[in-house]
Amino acid sequence: MTRRPGLAARLLAAQLLVITAGTVTFAIVALAAGPPLFRTHLGRALGTVPAATDRHLQDAFAAATAIAVGVGTAAALLTALTVSLLITRRLSRPIQSIDAAATRLATGDYTTRMPPTGLGPELDTLAEAFNTMATALQHTETTRRRLLADAAHELRTPLATLEAYLEGLADEVRAPTQETWDIMSDQTARLRRLIDDIALVSHAEEHRLPLRPVPIAPNDIVTSVVNAARPEYDAAGVRLTTRLAGNPPSLMADPERIAQVLAGLLTNALRHTPAGGHVTVATEPADAADTVGGGGGGGGADAAVRIVVTDTGEGIAPQHLPHVFERFYRADTARDRAHGGSGIGLTIARAVVAAHGGTLTAASDGPGTGAKFTMTLPSGTPSRA
């Protein structure tokens, strides 16, 4: 298989072709236009010249012109070749570096980065775009590995429980009581919930989450979700109250998805708030700048609404706060696992809110000070689905 010339060789060949074409054009013009012009000026200067003298002068001029054009052309070609070679090498070096970096990136070296080329904004922009792509791929690969490791870890616990009970039943060490079936059913449900949660967060983060937006009143959806959660709060001895804005802008959102997010936040707050604690759900107007897309379309599209869930529970330590929305991240692994959480509830919540063009943030002053989760949504149509 014949190897095609490289970029440097093709650039050099293109420049040489241009130089050669210009030189040939110059020689033809000089040799064609020079003698007539010489005869004209000779006649004006000397008048009538004997034929022998005129022929001698014409031959001398033609020879001098040919020698000058030939030497000049050779010198110009040599100089142009040297300069073109230097320029071609300088231009091709960053392209070769990008090619080598792309090859390393393709083989799995996601730490590969390109330094600035120093050859102008175009190539520097290309290097920056390459580095951005490499960073995104590195983050994706890190997330993928962590997801696989964490998913395997999360699946291992219920599977081990089921395996132990099945072996006990097979060896007749454990009696098939209702308690046994309930435990096995709980572990199966936990597996199903984990699988569904992983599928949901994947769809949401890939912007493939189906949304059915309709006009909804923020106060109505908050009241509905709070009323559904109140029995569980009463049983746990935690007070649940609302503080609703007088007339917040209506939302164009999927009511089931927003209710799912709010219910998850209330479940999370209850899990981390001891008996005697207090959880408040508030609605309040917000600036459109607080959202990702700032809303879009329709009346009141510049407005936004905040739904804030505040608890007086355990709080979040500063080192954990930046990671609470990461998949499978738990500040207290043993406690959360004992309560049956999948570890990606907040990840799902943030992805759903982002699919509506909004934001979900967490705040806490530290352990023992409670936590606040703020969901900000634009009043316009969701920007992604």
Foldseek 3Di string as FASTA:
>chain_A
DDDDDDPLVVQLVVLLVVLVVVLVVVLVCCLVVVLVVVVVVVCVVPNDDDPVVVVVVSVVSNVVSVVCSVVVSVVSSVVSSVVSSVVSCLVCVLVVVVVVLVVVVVVPPLVRAGDQSPPDDVVSVVRVVVNVVSVVVVVVVVLVVVVVVLVVVLLVVLVVVLVVLVVCVVVVVDDPDPVSVVSNVVSVVLVVVLVVLVVLLVCLVVLNHDWDWDWDFVVVLVVVLCVVCVVVCVVQQEAEEEAEDDGEFIAGTRSVLVSLLVNLVVVVQSLFAHHPKYKYKYKDKDALVQFQVCADDDPQQRIKMKIKIWIQGFWAAPVCQVPQQRAQDDPDNVSVVVVSDSRNSSVSSQSRLVQQRGGWHKDTPHTRRTIMIMTMGGRHGGPTD
